[in-house]
Amino acid sequence: MIITLKVPSIACEVCANTITKAMENYDPQGQISVDVSTKIVSITTNKTVHEIKKVIMEVGHTIED
């Protein structure tokens, strides 16, 4: 399943790296892509949307509904 989320708190590559590392630790089999310019996070995963949102919020980012 591909999950695409708008994360307005992404400001730079450091933010992107923080989210990427958190997702890689949580779901090593998942594939993540973070676009800093559009603030879009795309994840190919077997995890639920709720689980993915929780991981992103735990590293200090906000998610737009």
PDB file of N, CA and C in Angstrom:
ATOM      1  N   MET A   1       0.846  -1.172   0.000  1.00  0.00           N
ATOM      2  CA  MET A   1       0.000   0.000   0.000  1.00  0.00           C
ATOM      3  C   MET A   1       0.892   1.235   0.000  1.00  0.00           C
ATOM      4  N   ILE A   2       0.480   2.247  -0.768  1.00  0.00           N
ATOM      5  CA  ILE A   2       1.212   3.513  -0.788  1.00  0.00           C
ATOM      6  C   ILE A   2       0.423   4.535   0.020  1.00  0.00           C
ATOM      7  N   ILE A   3       1.095   5.136   0.988  1.00  0.00           N
ATOM      8  CA  ILE A   3       0.497   6.170   1.827  1.00  0.00           C
ATOM      9  C   ILE A   3       1.176   7.494   1.480  1.00  0.00           C
ATOM     10  N   THR A   4       0.389   8.502   1.184  1.00  0.00           N
ATOM     11  CA  THR A   4       0.926   9.822   0.869  1.00  0.00           C
ATOM     12  C   THR A   4       0.353  10.817   1.867  1.00  0.00           C
ATOM     13  N   LEU A   5       1.254  11.546   2.530  1.00  0.00           N
ATOM     14  CA  LEU A   5       0.835  12.498   3.565  1.00  0.00           C
ATOM     15  C   LEU A   5       1.455  13.863   3.319  1.00  0.00           C
ATOM     16  N   LYS A   6       0.688  14.913   3.606  1.00  0.00           N
ATOM     17  CA  LYS A   6       1.195  16.291   3.570  1.00  0.00           C
ATOM     18  C   LYS A   6       1.708  16.602   4.974  1.00  0.00           C
ATOM     19  N   VAL A   7       2.991  16.963   5.058  1.00  0.00           N
ATOM     20  CA  VAL A   7       3.632  17.245   6.348  1.00  0.00           C
ATOM     21  C   VAL A   7       4.148  18.687   6.304  1.00  0.00           C
ATOM     22  N   PRO A   8       3.288  19.663   6.658  1.00  0.00           N
ATOM     23  CA  PRO A   8       3.655  21.073   6.517  1.00  0.00           C
ATOM     24  C   PRO A   8       4.834  21.528   7.373  1.00  0.00           C
ATOM     25  N   SER A   9       5.201  20.749   8.372  1.00  0.00           N
ATOM     26  CA  SER A   9       6.314  21.138   9.242  1.00  0.00           C
ATOM     27  C   SER A   9       7.682  20.807   8.647  1.00  0.00           C
ATOM     28  N   ILE A  10       7.733  20.174   7.470  1.00  0.00           N
ATOM     29  CA  ILE A  10       9.018  19.893   6.820  1.00  0.00           C
ATOM     30  C   ILE A  10       9.583  21.218   6.301  1.00  0.00           C
ATOM     31  N   ALA A  11      10.761  21.574   6.802  1.00  0.00           N
ATOM     32  CA  ALA A  11      11.365  22.852   6.419  1.00  0.00           C
ATOM     33  C   ALA A  11      12.650  22.676   5.603  1.00  0.00           C
ATOM     34  N   CYS A  12      13.302  21.520   5.760  1.00  0.00           N
ATOM     35  CA  CYS A  12      14.611  21.361   5.126  1.00  0.00           C
ATOM     36  C   CYS A  12      14.971  19.886   5.007  1.00  0.00           C
ATOM     37  N   GLU A  13      16.161  19.633   4.474  1.00  0.00           N
ATOM     38  CA  GLU A  13      16.637  18.256   4.319  1.00  0.00           C
ATOM     39  C   GLU A  13      16.828  17.551   5.666  1.00  0.00           C
ATOM     40  N   VAL A  14      17.156  18.299   6.708  1.00  0.00           N
ATOM     41  CA  VAL A  14      17.313  17.689   8.033  1.00  0.00           C
ATOM     42  C   VAL A  14      15.981  17.104   8.488  1.00  0.00           C
ATOM     43  N   CYS A  15      14.897  17.849   8.258  1.00  0.00           N
ATOM     44  CA  CYS A  15      13.557  17.338   8.590  1.00  0.00           C
ATOM     45  C   CYS A  15      13.272  16.061   7.801  1.00  0.00           C
ATOM     46  N   ALA A  16      13.577  16.099   6.509  1.00  0.00           N
ATOM     47  CA  ALA A  16      13.353  14.934   5.653  1.00  0.00           C
ATOM     48  C   ALA A  16      14.148  13.734   6.159  1.00  0.00           C
ATOM     49  N   ASN A  17      15.398  13.959   6.540  1.00  0.00           N
ATOM     50  CA  ASN A  17      16.247  12.874   7.039  1.00  0.00           C
ATOM     51  C   ASN A  17      15.723  12.314   8.355  1.00  0.00           C
ATOM     52  N   THR A  18      15.218  13.185   9.218  1.00  0.00           N
ATOM     53  CA  THR A  18      14.662  12.746  10.503  1.00  0.00           C
ATOM     54  C   THR A  18      13.475  11.818  10.278  1.00  0.00           C
ATOM     55  N   ILE A  19      12.576  12.225   9.388  1.00  0.00           N
ATOM     56  CA  ILE A  19      11.396  11.405   9.083  1.00  0.00           C
ATOM     57  C   ILE A  19      11.823  10.100   8.418  1.00  0.00           C
ATOM     58  N   THR A  20      12.746  10.183   7.484  1.00  0.00           N
ATOM     59  CA  THR A  20      13.211   8.984   6.770  1.00  0.00           C
ATOM     60  C   THR A  20      13.825   7.980   7.738  1.00  0.00           C
ATOM     61  N   LYS A  21      14.691   8.433   8.620  1.00  0.00           N
ATOM     62  CA  LYS A  21      15.338   7.528   9.578  1.00  0.00           C
ATOM     63  C   LYS A  21      14.328   6.905  10.527  1.00  0.00           C
ATOM     64  N   ALA A  22      13.360   7.698  10.986  1.00  0.00           N
ATOM     65  CA  ALA A  22      12.334   7.167  11.889  1.00  0.00           C
ATOM     66  C   ALA A  22      11.512   6.088  11.195  1.00  0.00           C
ATOM     67  N   MET A  23      11.167   6.326   9.933  1.00  0.00           N
ATOM     68  CA  MET A  23      10.381   5.341   9.190  1.00  0.00           C
ATOM     69  C   MET A  23      11.206   4.086   8.891  1.00  0.00           C
ATOM     70  N   GLU A  24      12.477   4.262   8.554  1.00  0.00           N
ATOM     71  CA  GLU A  24      13.341   3.104   8.293  1.00  0.00           C
ATOM     72  C   GLU A  24      13.508   2.250   9.541  1.00  0.00           C
ATOM     73  N   ASN A  25      13.578   2.882  10.715  1.00  0.00           N
ATOM     74  CA  ASN A  25      13.680   2.133  11.966  1.00  0.00           C
ATOM     75  C   ASN A  25      12.376   1.408  12.284  1.00  0.00           C
ATOM     76  N   TYR A  26      11.257   2.053  11.992  1.00  0.00           N
ATOM     77  CA  TYR A  26       9.949   1.487  12.309  1.00  0.00           C
ATOM     78  C   TYR A  26       9.573   0.372  11.324  1.00  0.00           C
ATOM     79  N   ASP A  27       9.852   0.588  10.049  1.00  0.00           N
ATOM     80  CA  ASP A  27       9.466  -0.358   9.010  1.00  0.00           C
ATOM     81  C   ASP A  27      10.615  -0.530   8.016  1.00  0.00           C
ATOM     82  N   PRO A  28      11.600  -1.369   8.360  1.00  0.00           N
ATOM     83  CA  PRO A  28      12.782  -1.534   7.509  1.00  0.00           C
ATOM     84  C   PRO A  28      12.467  -2.006   6.089  1.00  0.00           C
ATOM     85  N   GLN A  29      11.347  -2.692   5.889  1.00  0.00           N
ATOM     86  CA  GLN A  29      10.986  -3.167   4.559  1.00  0.00           C
ATOM     87  C   GLN A  29      10.269  -2.088   3.732  1.00  0.00           C
ATOM     88  N   GLY A  30       9.835  -1.017   4.388  1.00  0.00           N
ATOM     89  CA  GLY A  30       9.104   0.038   3.687  1.00  0.00           C
ATOM     90  C   GLY A  30      10.020   0.882   2.809  1.00  0.00           C
ATOM     91  N   GLN A  31       9.422   1.536   1.834  1.00  0.00           N
ATOM     92  CA  GLN A  31      10.158   2.455   0.954  1.00  0.00           C
ATOM     93  C   GLN A  31       9.591   3.851   1.192  1.00  0.00           C
ATOM     94  N   ILE A  32      10.451   4.810   1.532  1.00  0.00           N
ATOM     95  CA  ILE A  32       9.992   6.162   1.846  1.00  0.00           C
ATOM     96  C   ILE A  32      10.628   7.179   0.918  1.00  0.00           C
ATOM     97  N   SER A  33       9.843   8.186   0.591  1.00  0.00           N
ATOM     98  CA  SER A  33      10.309   9.297  -0.216  1.00  0.00           C
ATOM     99  C   SER A  33       9.771  10.577   0.422  1.00  0.00           C
ATOM    100  N   VAL A  34      10.652  11.554   0.630  1.00  0.00           N
ATOM    101  CA  VAL A  34      10.247  12.835   1.216  1.00  0.00           C
ATOM    102  C   VAL A  34      10.620  13.946   0.234  1.00  0.00           C
ATOM    103  N   ASP A  35       9.626  14.718  -0.184  1.00  0.00           N
ATOM    104  CA  ASP A  35       9.852  15.853  -1.079  1.00  0.00           C
ATOM    105  C   ASP A  35       9.760  17.132  -0.248  1.00  0.00           C
ATOM    106  N   VAL A  36      10.909  17.747   0.001  1.00  0.00           N
ATOM    107  CA  VAL A  36      10.961  18.928   0.863  1.00  0.00           C
ATOM    108  C   VAL A  36      10.182  20.093   0.249  1.00  0.00           C
ATOM    109  N   SER A  37      10.281  20.283  -1.066  1.00  0.00           N
ATOM    110  CA  SER A  37       9.636  21.442  -1.699  1.00  0.00           C
ATOM    111  C   SER A  37       8.114  21.379  -1.632  1.00  0.00           C
ATOM    112  N   THR A  38       7.536  20.179  -1.762  1.00  0.00           N
ATOM    113  CA  THR A  38       6.074  20.054  -1.695  1.00  0.00           C
ATOM    114  C   THR A  38       5.583  19.622  -0.320  1.00  0.00           C
ATOM    115  N   LYS A  39       6.527  19.242   0.552  1.00  0.00           N
ATOM    116  CA  LYS A  39       6.218  18.769   1.910  1.00  0.00           C
ATOM    117  C   LYS A  39       5.363  17.501   1.896  1.00  0.00           C
ATOM    118  N   ILE A  40       5.631  16.644   0.905  1.00  0.00           N
ATOM    119  CA  ILE A  40       4.891  15.392   0.752  1.00  0.00           C
ATOM    120  C   ILE A  40       5.784  14.207   1.134  1.00  0.00           C
ATOM    121  N   VAL A  41       5.228  13.333   1.970  1.00  0.00           N
ATOM    122  CA  VAL A  41       5.894  12.092   2.354  1.00  0.00           C
ATOM    123  C   VAL A  41       5.103  10.950   1.725  1.00  0.00           C
ATOM    124  N   SER A  42       5.785  10.105   0.964  1.00  0.00           N
ATOM    125  CA  SER A  42       5.157   8.925   0.362  1.00  0.00           C
ATOM    126  C   SER A  42       5.852   7.686   0.900  1.00  0.00           C
ATOM    127  N   ILE A  43       5.046   6.732   1.353  1.00  0.00           N
ATOM    128  CA  ILE A  43       5.593   5.528   1.946  1.00  0.00           C
ATOM    129  C   ILE A  43       4.890   4.316   1.351  1.00  0.00           C
ATOM    130  N   THR A  44       5.672   3.348   0.863  1.00  0.00           N
ATOM    131  CA  THR A  44       5.129   2.069   0.440  1.00  0.00           C
ATOM    132  C   THR A  44       5.359   1.127   1.612  1.00  0.00           C
ATOM    133  N   THR A  45       4.264   0.651   2.214  1.00  0.00           N
ATOM    134  CA  THR A  45       4.365  -0.094   3.465  1.00  0.00           C
ATOM    135  C   THR A  45       3.167  -1.008   3.657  1.00  0.00           C
ATOM    136  N   ASN A  46       3.301  -1.934   4.583  1.00  0.00           N
ATOM    137  CA  ASN A  46       2.180  -2.772   5.008  1.00  0.00           C
ATOM    138  C   ASN A  46       1.583  -2.250   6.315  1.00  0.00           C
ATOM    139  N   LYS A  47       2.158  -1.187   6.854  1.00  0.00           N
ATOM    140  CA  LYS A  47       1.660  -0.588   8.094  1.00  0.00           C
ATOM    141  C   LYS A  47       0.404   0.234   7.804  1.00  0.00           C
ATOM    142  N   THR A  48      -0.349   0.570   8.846  1.00  0.00           N
ATOM    143  CA  THR A  48      -1.566   1.370   8.667  1.00  0.00           C
ATOM    144  C   THR A  48      -1.228   2.863   8.608  1.00  0.00           C
ATOM    145  N   VAL A  49      -2.151   3.638   8.072  1.00  0.00           N
ATOM    146  CA  VAL A  49      -1.981   5.088   8.019  1.00  0.00           C
ATOM    147  C   VAL A  49      -1.797   5.633   9.429  1.00  0.00           C
ATOM    148  N   HIS A  50      -2.574   5.121  10.372  1.00  0.00           N
ATOM    149  CA  HIS A  50      -2.477   5.578  11.767  1.00  0.00           C
ATOM    150  C   HIS A  50      -1.073   5.334  12.327  1.00  0.00           C
ATOM    151  N   GLU A  51      -0.511   4.171  12.065  1.00  0.00           N
ATOM    152  CA  GLU A  51       0.837   3.848  12.554  1.00  0.00           C
ATOM    153  C   GLU A  51       1.879   4.795  11.955  1.00  0.00           C
ATOM    154  N   ILE A  52       1.762   5.062  10.651  1.00  0.00           N
ATOM    155  CA  ILE A  52       2.713   5.938   9.966  1.00  0.00           C
ATOM    156  C   ILE A  52       2.617   7.357  10.516  1.00  0.00           C
ATOM    157  N   LYS A  53       1.399   7.848  10.675  1.00  0.00           N
ATOM    158  CA  LYS A  53       1.202   9.198  11.220  1.00  0.00           C
ATOM    159  C   LYS A  53       1.813   9.308  12.616  1.00  0.00           C
ATOM    160  N   LYS A  54       1.631   8.261  13.427  1.00  0.00           N
ATOM    161  CA  LYS A  54       2.162   8.271  14.797  1.00  0.00           C
ATOM    162  C   LYS A  54       3.688   8.402  14.795  1.00  0.00           C
ATOM    163  N   VAL A  55       4.355   7.659  13.914  1.00  0.00           N
ATOM    164  CA  VAL A  55       5.823   7.713  13.838  1.00  0.00           C
ATOM    165  C   VAL A  55       6.280   9.120  13.452  1.00  0.00           C
ATOM    166  N   ILE A  56       5.627   9.718  12.466  1.00  0.00           N
ATOM    167  CA  ILE A  56       6.003  11.059  12.006  1.00  0.00           C
ATOM    168  C   ILE A  56       5.763  12.089  13.119  1.00  0.00           C
ATOM    169  N   MET A  57       4.649  11.972  13.807  1.00  0.00           N
ATOM    170  CA  MET A  57       4.353  12.922  14.892  1.00  0.00           C
ATOM    171  C   MET A  57       5.301  12.738  16.082  1.00  0.00           C
ATOM    172  N   GLU A  58       5.748  11.506  16.330  1.00  0.00           N
ATOM    173  CA  GLU A  58       6.667  11.242  17.438  1.00  0.00           C
ATOM    174  C   GLU A  58       8.019  11.914  17.240  1.00  0.00           C
ATOM    175  N   VAL A  59       8.407  12.199  15.978  1.00  0.00           N
ATOM    176  CA  VAL A  59       9.672  12.902  15.747  1.00  0.00           C
ATOM    177  C   VAL A  59       9.453  14.404  15.601  1.00  0.00           C
ATOM    178  N   GLY A  60       8.250  14.870  15.987  1.00  0.00           N
ATOM    179  CA  GLY A  60       8.019  16.306  16.097  1.00  0.00           C
ATOM    180  C   GLY A  60       7.401  16.999  14.902  1.00  0.00           C
ATOM    181  N   HIS A  61       6.795  16.232  13.995  1.00  0.00           N
ATOM    182  CA  HIS A  61       6.201  16.855  12.809  1.00  0.00           C
ATOM    183  C   HIS A  61       4.679  16.801  12.847  1.00  0.00           C
ATOM    184  N   THR A  62       4.075  17.732  12.105  1.00  0.00           N
ATOM    185  CA  THR A  62       2.633  17.798  12.018  1.00  0.00           C
ATOM    186  C   THR A  62       2.166  17.253  10.676  1.00  0.00           C
ATOM    187  N   ILE A  63       0.957  16.722  10.657  1.00  0.00           N
ATOM    188  CA  ILE A  63       0.400  16.148   9.435  1.00  0.00           C
ATOM    189  C   ILE A  63      -0.898  16.874   9.120  1.00  0.00           C
ATOM    190  N   GLU A  64      -1.041  17.246   7.857  1.00  0.00           N
ATOM    191  CA  GLU A  64      -2.250  17.938   7.412  1.00  0.00           C
ATOM    192  C   GLU A  64      -3.259  16.886   6.954  1.00  0.00           C
ATOM    193  N   ASP A  65      -4.499  17.047   7.372  1.00  0.00           N
ATOM    194  CA  ASP A  65      -5.547  16.112   6.943  1.00  0.00           C
ATOM    195  C   ASP A  65      -6.114  16.480   5.603  1.00  0.00           C
TER     196      ASP A  65
END
